[in-house]
């Protein structure tokens, strides 16, 4: 096409050949020197005679095409048979002509599709929506810019029950709200709306009968599950799928489900029930819904979610609660202005789904065009059609959260999840403990790396140490009667764990004085402290053993001005020690202290009092108290 030397309109036709290859035919007004081969190196031409006509054969870069001129019209094709079979046709295809009247001369180009010949595979709709009998023909104006591809036009249905689009006849589209609950990590979803389920279902039954689909709908004879539904969403997530009902009156819809209140489990305070009619949605909505394994359901606000697996249902629940849904994605926000709020049928695809469709059909490489939506708005035997394919913008919104994964543990969580360093890839893993005292190490993709039963609940945060000085980090922490060091496979490092008869009352303190990985482990038991080395032996030479009362917070180590300070406190005394446990700084005053941690702030040792004031000590023992207005 780049070799054409013309300013006139060009008509391009694509068709499958008898050999299942793609034939291209294009026409435009003929003029002298219409092809420009002056810069072409690998080029040859020859004239062929066929009947009384002359056909030119061009071979360019080992690809042949043929052309001829008839009545000042150029006709060219990749298949010579199209050129040989040219003949005058006095009849105009009225369908094409009528649709072409709706095209815009301002568009980059207009695309006409005879849907009866369209046999490409649908996106992820399991042969349900984008099928040859979806409509009769489609015309869209295509506008291509740097950041987006827009398709706007109409799809025309035959005046009968043969076209699937006619199931929306006599039904006004409602607002598509499925993006507000569809998880952003699903492959995509379909939303179809109606203002009357009865009218919609009557049309659908006519279509099913005409197509010869053997579908029953016994559920509709005895239940009112769909009477107050204005939108149905179909979610696709790998091999899993869900159907979501958007209800005008959730109480009535819930009443229709009273027979199915057998609790399967509770997830994030949302009850999940077993659903005893997994085929109901296929019976009611085939071919828009083609699966019959929706065994679980839950309700969130006005949405009723039916899923094929507990995992996919939990994904919807967690995404809705975390607001990590399609509606919060930058890509979805970018395309909203090009879409109607209310559509009879809306298809939304994520990045991988769109790319996979074009790759599978070998049609185009869309590069960074990743966010896409397709909608149809029914209007008297035709539907307005909008499609947006948007280039992903490289931006990060401030104060936004996105969900990378969610994972279900065997029991409720006991401790706050904590990030730890994965020394194999310098990324982050997660440690967390459940109420049964099982410790889990999770990868940043949600894989459980190990699960290990502990003696008790972990006190405070987990430390990381490198006891072999080879870069391979271990986890170090204390429970009420143990001190553990565990490697990333869940194995205990000898001679740990250390066992204690008297309870440990504060988190394990790990000191690395000179950053040389010669660690010291301080264990707190009430008013007493014990200092251990990595051999599990008491450190000789550490003189401090007992405070005047129960130690209120985890002992800390700080280095200020090249000197080491070990700091701990009781209810009325702050101890500032050196490495040997001797007093290094004696505060000149004291206070009634809280159990909050001790920090270094602006070169001062700082903690809070029981009244919520900030108590500070410098390295010479000078003290100050400042009200923080915390009480």
Foldseek 3Di string as FASTA:
>chain_A
DVQFDDPWDKDWDWAQDPVRDIKIKMKTFDDPSRGHCPPADQKDKDWDDDPPFIKIWIAGPNQIKIWGADPRMIMIMSDCVVVNPDDDDPDDPVVVVVQVVFEDPPFPAKDKAQLLRDDADDQPQPCFASHSQQAGMWMWGWHDDPWKIKTWGKGFHDPFLSHVPCLQPPWAFDFDDVQLQAFPQFQWKKKAFTPALVSSQVSVVRNCVVVVPPAAQVVVVPFCLCGFFGMWMWTHHPPKIKIKTQGPDQVRNVVRCVVWADFPDADPNWTKTFDDFQQNCCRRDPPSDDDRQQTIWTDDVRMIMTINDPVVRNSSVVCSVQVNGSVPDPLSVVCPVQDDRTFRMKIWGFQVSVQVSCVVVVNDHPVQQGTKMWGWHDDDRMTIIMMMGGGDDPDDDPPDDHDLDDDDDPAAWDDDWDWDADLVVRDTWIWTAHPQQWIFIARSNGDTLDIHHDPADWADDWDWADQVPPSQIWTWKDGQFWTFTAGSNGDTDPPDTDGHPATFDAMWEWDDPVPPRQIWIWTFHFFFIFIATPNRDTDPQQPGTGDPGGWQYDWYWDADPNFIWIWTDDQWAIATAGPSNHGQEHAPHTAGQHSDDWDQDPQWIWGAHPVGWIWTAHSHRYIDTGHPPPD
